[in-house]
Amino acid sequence: MNFDLIELGQDEFAYRLEEGGTLKAEITWTQMANVMIIEHTFVDESMRNQGIAKKLLDKAADYARENQYKMEPVCSYAVVAFDRYKEYDDVKV
């Protein structure tokens, strides 16, 4: 499963999964200096319960690590995942 890094606008980015021109999943953030503000996670109903939201968050966390960024979760999924999984401790603000 390949997620494409997309620049949405000034300082706004996303990892997206599209199939046939249809958005199937994405995680979006605003870049504030060295902090990624995780604002939105979406997975199409047809793809839910397959761990795709976590894979998106993992991809974003890898991006943060590669660039020495921190992450601040705002969307409800990211907030819960940051509390639930210790693997994100190194990228928490």
PDB file of N, CA and C in Angstrom:
ATOM      1  N   MET A   1       0.852  -1.171   0.000  1.00  0.00           N
ATOM      2  CA  MET A   1       0.000   0.000   0.000  1.00  0.00           C
ATOM      3  C   MET A   1       0.899   1.235   0.000  1.00  0.00           C
ATOM      4  N   ASN A   2       0.778   2.038  -1.048  1.00  0.00           N
ATOM      5  CA  ASN A   2       1.608   3.223  -1.181  1.00  0.00           C
ATOM      6  C   ASN A   2       0.807   4.481  -0.898  1.00  0.00           C
ATOM      7  N   PHE A   3       1.322   5.268   0.023  1.00  0.00           N
ATOM      8  CA  PHE A   3       0.725   6.552   0.341  1.00  0.00           C
ATOM      9  C   PHE A   3       1.568   7.630  -0.328  1.00  0.00           C
ATOM     10  N   ASP A   4       0.917   8.540  -1.026  1.00  0.00           N
ATOM     11  CA  ASP A   4       1.612   9.616  -1.714  1.00  0.00           C
ATOM     12  C   ASP A   4       1.666  10.854  -0.840  1.00  0.00           C
ATOM     13  N   LEU A   5       2.861  11.462  -0.758  1.00  0.00           N
ATOM     14  CA  LEU A   5       3.016  12.728  -0.049  1.00  0.00           C
ATOM     15  C   LEU A   5       2.544  13.840  -0.977  1.00  0.00           C
ATOM     16  N   ILE A   6       1.583  14.623  -0.503  1.00  0.00           N
ATOM     17  CA  ILE A   6       0.964  15.684  -1.295  1.00  0.00           C
ATOM     18  C   ILE A   6       1.128  17.008  -0.553  1.00  0.00           C
ATOM     19  N   GLU A   7       1.507  18.049  -1.298  1.00  0.00           N
ATOM     20  CA  GLU A   7       1.510  19.394  -0.725  1.00  0.00           C
ATOM     21  C   GLU A   7       0.161  20.019  -1.038  1.00  0.00           C
ATOM     22  N   LEU A   8      -0.595  20.340   0.002  1.00  0.00           N
ATOM     23  CA  LEU A   8      -1.951  20.859  -0.159  1.00  0.00           C
ATOM     24  C   LEU A   8      -1.983  22.379  -0.310  1.00  0.00           C
ATOM     25  N   GLY A   9      -0.975  23.014   0.160  1.00  0.00           N
ATOM     26  CA  GLY A   9      -0.915  24.469   0.145  1.00  0.00           C
ATOM     27  C   GLY A   9       0.243  24.896   1.011  1.00  0.00           C
ATOM     28  N   GLN A  10       0.303  26.160   1.290  1.00  0.00           N
ATOM     29  CA  GLN A  10       1.406  26.673   2.098  1.00  0.00           C
ATOM     30  C   GLN A  10       1.409  26.012   3.472  1.00  0.00           C
ATOM     31  N   ASP A  11       2.445  25.238   3.724  1.00  0.00           N
ATOM     32  CA  ASP A  11       2.657  24.567   5.015  1.00  0.00           C
ATOM     33  C   ASP A  11       1.618  23.498   5.344  1.00  0.00           C
ATOM     34  N   GLU A  12       0.819  23.059   4.363  1.00  0.00           N
ATOM     35  CA  GLU A  12      -0.163  22.003   4.581  1.00  0.00           C
ATOM     36  C   GLU A  12       0.169  20.810   3.698  1.00  0.00           C
ATOM     37  N   PHE A  13       0.198  19.623   4.329  1.00  0.00           N
ATOM     38  CA  PHE A  13       0.627  18.413   3.646  1.00  0.00           C
ATOM     39  C   PHE A  13      -0.293  17.250   3.981  1.00  0.00           C
ATOM     40  N   ALA A  14      -0.186  16.183   3.197  1.00  0.00           N
ATOM     41  CA  ALA A  14      -0.969  14.980   3.452  1.00  0.00           C
ATOM     42  C   ALA A  14      -0.247  13.765   2.882  1.00  0.00           C
ATOM     43  N   TYR A  15      -0.513  12.629   3.495  1.00  0.00           N
ATOM     44  CA  TYR A  15      -0.247  11.346   2.863  1.00  0.00           C
ATOM     45  C   TYR A  15      -1.607  10.849   2.427  1.00  0.00           C
ATOM     46  N   ARG A  16      -1.711  10.439   1.148  1.00  0.00           N
ATOM     47  CA  ARG A  16      -2.990  10.015   0.601  1.00  0.00           C
ATOM     48  C   ARG A  16      -2.885   8.678  -0.109  1.00  0.00           C
ATOM     49  N   LEU A  17      -4.000   7.974  -0.079  1.00  0.00           N
ATOM     50  CA  LEU A  17      -4.188   6.764  -0.869  1.00  0.00           C
ATOM     51  C   LEU A  17      -5.389   7.022  -1.760  1.00  0.00           C
ATOM     52  N   GLU A  18      -5.151   6.992  -3.066  1.00  0.00           N
ATOM     53  CA  GLU A  18      -6.227   7.176  -4.026  1.00  0.00           C
ATOM     54  C   GLU A  18      -6.299   5.956  -4.924  1.00  0.00           C
ATOM     55  N   GLU A  19      -7.506   5.571  -5.264  1.00  0.00           N
ATOM     56  CA  GLU A  19      -7.728   4.465  -6.196  1.00  0.00           C
ATOM     57  C   GLU A  19      -8.704   4.928  -7.251  1.00  0.00           C
ATOM     58  N   GLY A  20      -8.284   4.888  -8.499  1.00  0.00           N
ATOM     59  CA  GLY A  20      -9.161   5.304  -9.587  1.00  0.00           C
ATOM     60  C   GLY A  20      -9.633   6.738  -9.465  1.00  0.00           C
ATOM     61  N   GLY A  21      -8.776   7.599  -8.932  1.00  0.00           N
ATOM     62  CA  GLY A  21      -9.139   9.000  -8.771  1.00  0.00           C
ATOM     63  C   GLY A  21     -10.011   9.292  -7.571  1.00  0.00           C
ATOM     64  N   THR A  22     -10.284   8.276  -6.755  1.00  0.00           N
ATOM     65  CA  THR A  22     -11.116   8.447  -5.566  1.00  0.00           C
ATOM     66  C   THR A  22     -10.251   8.390  -4.316  1.00  0.00           C
ATOM     67  N   LEU A  23     -10.428   9.354  -3.433  1.00  0.00           N
ATOM     68  CA  LEU A  23      -9.704   9.379  -2.168  1.00  0.00           C
ATOM     69  C   LEU A  23     -10.189   8.235  -1.288  1.00  0.00           C
ATOM     70  N   LYS A  24      -9.265   7.383  -0.873  1.00  0.00           N
ATOM     71  CA  LYS A  24      -9.607   6.249  -0.012  1.00  0.00           C
ATOM     72  C   LYS A  24      -9.133   6.443   1.422  1.00  0.00           C
ATOM     73  N   ALA A  25      -8.018   7.179   1.588  1.00  0.00           N
ATOM     74  CA  ALA A  25      -7.498   7.396   2.935  1.00  0.00           C
ATOM     75  C   ALA A  25      -6.503   8.550   2.912  1.00  0.00           C
ATOM     76  N   GLU A  26      -6.439   9.278   4.040  1.00  0.00           N
ATOM     77  CA  GLU A  26      -5.446  10.351   4.127  1.00  0.00           C
ATOM     78  C   GLU A  26      -5.219  10.747   5.575  1.00  0.00           C
ATOM     79  N   ILE A  27      -4.042  11.336   5.787  1.00  0.00           N
ATOM     80  CA  ILE A  27      -3.723  12.009   7.037  1.00  0.00           C
ATOM     81  C   ILE A  27      -3.160  13.357   6.639  1.00  0.00           C
ATOM     82  N   THR A  28      -3.646  14.419   7.282  1.00  0.00           N
ATOM     83  CA  THR A  28      -3.218  15.765   6.917  1.00  0.00           C
ATOM     84  C   THR A  28      -2.586  16.466   8.109  1.00  0.00           C
ATOM     85  N   TRP A  29      -1.670  17.385   7.799  1.00  0.00           N
ATOM     86  CA  TRP A  29      -1.043  18.172   8.855  1.00  0.00           C
ATOM     87  C   TRP A  29      -0.624  19.531   8.320  1.00  0.00           C
ATOM     88  N   THR A  30      -0.464  20.450   9.270  1.00  0.00           N
ATOM     89  CA  THR A  30       0.117  21.754   9.011  1.00  0.00           C
ATOM     90  C   THR A  30       1.505  21.753   9.628  1.00  0.00           C
ATOM     91  N   GLN A  31       2.468  22.216   8.868  1.00  0.00           N
ATOM     92  CA  GLN A  31       3.853  22.271   9.335  1.00  0.00           C
ATOM     93  C   GLN A  31       4.093  23.620   9.985  1.00  0.00           C
ATOM     94  N   MET A  32       4.409  23.619  11.264  1.00  0.00           N
ATOM     95  CA  MET A  32       4.712  24.843  12.009  1.00  0.00           C
ATOM     96  C   MET A  32       6.149  24.718  12.507  1.00  0.00           C
ATOM     97  N   ALA A  33       7.087  25.315  11.756  1.00  0.00           N
ATOM     98  CA  ALA A  33       8.520  25.183  12.049  1.00  0.00           C
ATOM     99  C   ALA A  33       8.857  23.695  12.071  1.00  0.00           C
ATOM    100  N   ASN A  34       9.286  23.162  13.209  1.00  0.00           N
ATOM    101  CA  ASN A  34       9.657  21.742  13.268  1.00  0.00           C
ATOM    102  C   ASN A  34       8.576  20.870  13.908  1.00  0.00           C
ATOM    103  N   VAL A  35       7.317  21.329  13.896  1.00  0.00           N
ATOM    104  CA  VAL A  35       6.208  20.574  14.483  1.00  0.00           C
ATOM    105  C   VAL A  35       5.137  20.319  13.420  1.00  0.00           C
ATOM    106  N   MET A  36       4.747  19.067  13.306  1.00  0.00           N
ATOM    107  CA  MET A  36       3.650  18.668  12.426  1.00  0.00           C
ATOM    108  C   MET A  36       2.376  18.625  13.262  1.00  0.00           C
ATOM    109  N   ILE A  37       1.431  19.495  12.957  1.00  0.00           N
ATOM    110  CA  ILE A  37       0.154  19.516  13.668  1.00  0.00           C
ATOM    111  C   ILE A  37      -0.784  18.573  12.908  1.00  0.00           C
ATOM    112  N   ILE A  38      -1.029  17.384  13.459  1.00  0.00           N
ATOM    113  CA  ILE A  38      -1.848  16.362  12.803  1.00  0.00           C
ATOM    114  C   ILE A  38      -3.316  16.738  12.993  1.00  0.00           C
ATOM    115  N   GLU A  39      -3.961  17.122  11.882  1.00  0.00           N
ATOM    116  CA  GLU A  39      -5.292  17.705  11.964  1.00  0.00           C
ATOM    117  C   GLU A  39      -6.428  16.786  11.556  1.00  0.00           C
ATOM    118  N   HIS A  40      -6.144  15.803  10.714  1.00  0.00           N
ATOM    119  CA  HIS A  40      -7.250  15.030  10.144  1.00  0.00           C
ATOM    120  C   HIS A  40      -6.751  13.662   9.693  1.00  0.00           C
ATOM    121  N   THR A  41      -7.526  12.651   9.994  1.00  0.00           N
ATOM    122  CA  THR A  41      -7.282  11.301   9.483  1.00  0.00           C
ATOM    123  C   THR A  41      -8.607  10.790   8.927  1.00  0.00           C
ATOM    124  N   PHE A  42      -8.546  10.256   7.715  1.00  0.00           N
ATOM    125  CA  PHE A  42      -9.751   9.761   7.050  1.00  0.00           C
ATOM    126  C   PHE A  42      -9.462   8.416   6.406  1.00  0.00           C
ATOM    127  N   VAL A  43     -10.385   7.477   6.576  1.00  0.00           N
ATOM    128  CA  VAL A  43     -10.344   6.195   5.874  1.00  0.00           C
ATOM    129  C   VAL A  43     -11.759   5.926   5.359  1.00  0.00           C
ATOM    130  N   ASP A  44     -11.860   5.652   4.062  1.00  0.00           N
ATOM    131  CA  ASP A  44     -13.145   5.347   3.436  1.00  0.00           C
ATOM    132  C   ASP A  44     -13.791   4.145   4.126  1.00  0.00           C
ATOM    133  N   GLU A  45     -15.109   4.164   4.220  1.00  0.00           N
ATOM    134  CA  GLU A  45     -15.834   3.075   4.897  1.00  0.00           C
ATOM    135  C   GLU A  45     -15.469   1.699   4.350  1.00  0.00           C
ATOM    136  N   SER A  46     -15.230   1.621   3.048  1.00  0.00           N
ATOM    137  CA  SER A  46     -14.917   0.327   2.430  1.00  0.00           C
ATOM    138  C   SER A  46     -13.575  -0.237   2.864  1.00  0.00           C
ATOM    139  N   MET A  47     -12.741   0.595   3.523  1.00  0.00           N
ATOM    140  CA  MET A  47     -11.400   0.165   3.910  1.00  0.00           C
ATOM    141  C   MET A  47     -11.190   0.204   5.423  1.00  0.00           C
ATOM    142  N   ARG A  48     -12.235   0.444   6.173  1.00  0.00           N
ATOM    143  CA  ARG A  48     -12.088   0.547   7.628  1.00  0.00           C
ATOM    144  C   ARG A  48     -11.839  -0.822   8.259  1.00  0.00           C
ATOM    145  N   ASN A  49     -11.325  -0.789   9.478  1.00  0.00           N
ATOM    146  CA  ASN A  49     -11.020  -1.990  10.270  1.00  0.00           C
ATOM    147  C   ASN A  49      -9.925  -2.839   9.649  1.00  0.00           C
ATOM    148  N   GLN A  50      -9.019  -2.198   8.922  1.00  0.00           N
ATOM    149  CA  GLN A  50      -7.865  -2.886   8.340  1.00  0.00           C
ATOM    150  C   GLN A  50      -6.554  -2.289   8.830  1.00  0.00           C
ATOM    151  N   GLY A  51      -6.620  -1.372   9.792  1.00  0.00           N
ATOM    152  CA  GLY A  51      -5.411  -0.756  10.330  1.00  0.00           C
ATOM    153  C   GLY A  51      -4.811   0.322   9.443  1.00  0.00           C
ATOM    154  N   ILE A  52      -5.586   0.839   8.510  1.00  0.00           N
ATOM    155  CA  ILE A  52      -5.048   1.810   7.567  1.00  0.00           C
ATOM    156  C   ILE A  52      -4.771   3.156   8.241  1.00  0.00           C
ATOM    157  N   ALA A  53      -5.616   3.580   9.157  1.00  0.00           N
ATOM    158  CA  ALA A  53      -5.367   4.846   9.861  1.00  0.00           C
ATOM    159  C   ALA A  53      -4.042   4.769  10.615  1.00  0.00           C
ATOM    160  N   LYS A  54      -3.769   3.639  11.228  1.00  0.00           N
ATOM    161  CA  LYS A  54      -2.489   3.477  11.942  1.00  0.00           C
ATOM    162  C   LYS A  54      -1.323   3.491  10.968  1.00  0.00           C
ATOM    163  N   LYS A  55      -1.496   2.859   9.811  1.00  0.00           N
ATOM    164  CA  LYS A  55      -0.433   2.875   8.799  1.00  0.00           C
ATOM    165  C   LYS A  55      -0.155   4.303   8.324  1.00  0.00           C
ATOM    166  N   LEU A  56      -1.204   5.100   8.167  1.00  0.00           N
ATOM    167  CA  LEU A  56      -1.024   6.501   7.802  1.00  0.00           C
ATOM    168  C   LEU A  56      -0.259   7.258   8.887  1.00  0.00           C
ATOM    169  N   LEU A  57      -0.648   7.042  10.131  1.00  0.00           N
ATOM    170  CA  LEU A  57       0.033   7.712  11.237  1.00  0.00           C
ATOM    171  C   LEU A  57       1.479   7.243  11.330  1.00  0.00           C
ATOM    172  N   ASP A  58       1.724   5.961  11.109  1.00  0.00           N
ATOM    173  CA  ASP A  58       3.099   5.443  11.100  1.00  0.00           C
ATOM    174  C   ASP A  58       3.921   6.123  10.016  1.00  0.00           C
ATOM    175  N   LYS A  59       3.335   6.286   8.834  1.00  0.00           N
ATOM    176  CA  LYS A  59       4.032   6.929   7.714  1.00  0.00           C
ATOM    177  C   LYS A  59       4.369   8.372   8.064  1.00  0.00           C
ATOM    178  N   ALA A  60       3.423   9.087   8.659  1.00  0.00           N
ATOM    179  CA  ALA A  60       3.666  10.469   9.074  1.00  0.00           C
ATOM    180  C   ALA A  60       4.746  10.529  10.162  1.00  0.00           C
ATOM    181  N   ALA A  61       4.722   9.583  11.093  1.00  0.00           N
ATOM    182  CA  ALA A  61       5.726   9.538  12.151  1.00  0.00           C
ATOM    183  C   ALA A  61       7.116   9.256  11.565  1.00  0.00           C
ATOM    184  N   ASP A  62       7.194   8.387  10.582  1.00  0.00           N
ATOM    185  CA  ASP A  62       8.474   8.127   9.909  1.00  0.00           C
ATOM    186  C   ASP A  62       8.990   9.388   9.228  1.00  0.00           C
ATOM    187  N   TYR A  63       8.084  10.128   8.602  1.00  0.00           N
ATOM    188  CA  TYR A  63       8.448  11.391   7.965  1.00  0.00           C
ATOM    189  C   TYR A  63       8.985  12.375   9.008  1.00  0.00           C
ATOM    190  N   ALA A  64       8.319  12.430  10.152  1.00  0.00           N
ATOM    191  CA  ALA A  64       8.774  13.310  11.238  1.00  0.00           C
ATOM    192  C   ALA A  64      10.171  12.910  11.700  1.00  0.00           C
ATOM    193  N   ARG A  65      10.401  11.629  11.883  1.00  0.00           N
ATOM    194  CA  ARG A  65      11.711  11.161  12.332  1.00  0.00           C
ATOM    195  C   ARG A  65      12.803  11.489  11.314  1.00  0.00           C
ATOM    196  N   GLU A  66      12.517  11.263  10.046  1.00  0.00           N
ATOM    197  CA  GLU A  66      13.498  11.528   8.986  1.00  0.00           C
ATOM    198  C   GLU A  66      13.905  12.992   8.940  1.00  0.00           C
ATOM    199  N   ASN A  67      12.988  13.873   9.317  1.00  0.00           N
ATOM    200  CA  ASN A  67      13.235  15.308   9.230  1.00  0.00           C
ATOM    201  C   ASN A  67      13.479  15.970  10.589  1.00  0.00           C
ATOM    202  N   GLN A  68      13.613  15.153  11.647  1.00  0.00           N
ATOM    203  CA  GLN A  68      13.803  15.646  13.008  1.00  0.00           C
ATOM    204  C   GLN A  68      12.685  16.594  13.427  1.00  0.00           C
ATOM    205  N   TYR A  69      11.443  16.237  13.064  1.00  0.00           N
ATOM    206  CA  TYR A  69      10.266  16.997  13.464  1.00  0.00           C
ATOM    207  C   TYR A  69       9.605  16.322  14.669  1.00  0.00           C
ATOM    208  N   LYS A  70       8.763  17.077  15.328  1.00  0.00           N
ATOM    209  CA  LYS A  70       7.888  16.553  16.368  1.00  0.00           C
ATOM    210  C   LYS A  70       6.465  16.582  15.824  1.00  0.00           C
ATOM    211  N   MET A  71       5.571  15.886  16.501  1.00  0.00           N
ATOM    212  CA  MET A  71       4.175  15.827  16.070  1.00  0.00           C
ATOM    213  C   MET A  71       3.261  16.219  17.225  1.00  0.00           C
ATOM    214  N   GLU A  72       2.243  17.007  16.899  1.00  0.00           N
ATOM    215  CA  GLU A  72       1.217  17.352  17.878  1.00  0.00           C
ATOM    216  C   GLU A  72      -0.131  16.888  17.335  1.00  0.00           C
ATOM    217  N   PRO A  73      -0.723  15.867  17.952  1.00  0.00           N
ATOM    218  CA  PRO A  73      -2.009  15.380  17.456  1.00  0.00           C
ATOM    219  C   PRO A  73      -3.145  16.303  17.852  1.00  0.00           C
ATOM    220  N   VAL A  74      -4.011  16.593  16.878  1.00  0.00           N
ATOM    221  CA  VAL A  74      -5.209  17.380  17.124  1.00  0.00           C
ATOM    222  C   VAL A  74      -6.440  16.540  16.781  1.00  0.00           C
ATOM    223  N   CYS A  75      -6.370  15.781  15.689  1.00  0.00           N
ATOM    224  CA  CYS A  75      -7.527  14.955  15.311  1.00  0.00           C
ATOM    225  C   CYS A  75      -7.719  13.844  16.342  1.00  0.00           C
ATOM    226  N   SER A  76      -8.948  13.427  16.507  1.00  0.00           N
ATOM    227  CA  SER A  76      -9.284  12.478  17.570  1.00  0.00           C
ATOM    228  C   SER A  76      -8.542  11.152  17.421  1.00  0.00           C
ATOM    229  N   TYR A  77      -8.396  10.640  16.194  1.00  0.00           N
ATOM    230  CA  TYR A  77      -7.687   9.374  16.026  1.00  0.00           C
ATOM    231  C   TYR A  77      -6.239   9.491  16.488  1.00  0.00           C
ATOM    232  N   ALA A  78      -5.559  10.544  16.068  1.00  0.00           N
ATOM    233  CA  ALA A  78      -4.144  10.709  16.433  1.00  0.00           C
ATOM    234  C   ALA A  78      -3.972  10.900  17.933  1.00  0.00           C
ATOM    235  N   VAL A  79      -4.876  11.629  18.561  1.00  0.00           N
ATOM    236  CA  VAL A  79      -4.806  11.830  20.014  1.00  0.00           C
ATOM    237  C   VAL A  79      -4.881  10.488  20.731  1.00  0.00           C
ATOM    238  N   VAL A  80      -5.849   9.661  20.365  1.00  0.00           N
ATOM    239  CA  VAL A  80      -6.014   8.346  20.988  1.00  0.00           C
ATOM    240  C   VAL A  80      -4.801   7.456  20.706  1.00  0.00           C
ATOM    241  N   ALA A  81      -4.327   7.457  19.469  1.00  0.00           N
ATOM    242  CA  ALA A  81      -3.176   6.616  19.108  1.00  0.00           C
ATOM    243  C   ALA A  81      -1.926   7.042  19.875  1.00  0.00           C
ATOM    244  N   PHE A  82      -1.714   8.337  20.043  1.00  0.00           N
ATOM    245  CA  PHE A  82      -0.548   8.810  20.790  1.00  0.00           C
ATOM    246  C   PHE A  82      -0.631   8.380  22.248  1.00  0.00           C
ATOM    247  N   ASP A  83      -1.829   8.322  22.805  1.00  0.00           N
ATOM    248  CA  ASP A  83      -2.003   7.855  24.181  1.00  0.00           C
ATOM    249  C   ASP A  83      -1.848   6.340  24.288  1.00  0.00           C
ATOM    250  N   ARG A  84      -2.310   5.619  23.279  1.00  0.00           N
ATOM    251  CA  ARG A  84      -2.353   4.161  23.316  1.00  0.00           C
ATOM    252  C   ARG A  84      -1.008   3.498  23.000  1.00  0.00           C
ATOM    253  N   TYR A  85      -0.261   4.051  22.041  1.00  0.00           N
ATOM    254  CA  TYR A  85       0.964   3.408  21.558  1.00  0.00           C
ATOM    255  C   TYR A  85       2.200   4.203  21.974  1.00  0.00           C
ATOM    256  N   LYS A  86       3.096   3.539  22.643  1.00  0.00           N
ATOM    257  CA  LYS A  86       4.331   4.181  23.110  1.00  0.00           C
ATOM    258  C   LYS A  86       5.325   4.420  21.980  1.00  0.00           C
ATOM    259  N   GLU A  87       5.103   3.795  20.821  1.00  0.00           N
ATOM    260  CA  GLU A  87       6.040   3.923  19.706  1.00  0.00           C
ATOM    261  C   GLU A  87       6.113   5.344  19.148  1.00  0.00           C
ATOM    262  N   TYR A  88       5.194   6.212  19.555  1.00  0.00           N
ATOM    263  CA  TYR A  88       5.215   7.598  19.095  1.00  0.00           C
ATOM    264  C   TYR A  88       5.848   8.544  20.112  1.00  0.00           C
ATOM    265  N   ASP A  89       6.297   8.014  21.234  1.00  0.00           N
ATOM    266  CA  ASP A  89       6.846   8.869  22.289  1.00  0.00           C
ATOM    267  C   ASP A  89       7.998   9.742  21.794  1.00  0.00           C
ATOM    268  N   ASP A  90       8.804   9.223  20.874  1.00  0.00           N
ATOM    269  CA  ASP A  90       9.968   9.969  20.396  1.00  0.00           C
ATOM    270  C   ASP A  90       9.603  11.156  19.511  1.00  0.00           C
ATOM    271  N   VAL A  91       8.389  11.196  18.984  1.00  0.00           N
ATOM    272  CA  VAL A  91       7.993  12.310  18.123  1.00  0.00           C
ATOM    273  C   VAL A  91       6.957  13.223  18.781  1.00  0.00           C
ATOM    274  N   LYS A  92       6.574  12.916  19.996  1.00  0.00           N
ATOM    275  CA  LYS A  92       5.620  13.787  20.708  1.00  0.00           C
ATOM    276  C   LYS A  92       6.261  15.123  21.033  1.00  0.00           C
ATOM    277  N   VAL A  93       5.427  16.167  20.988  1.00  0.00           N
ATOM    278  CA  VAL A  93       5.905  17.506  21.364  1.00  0.00           C
ATOM    279  C   VAL A  93       6.185  17.520  22.847  1.00  0.00           C
TER     280      VAL A  93
END
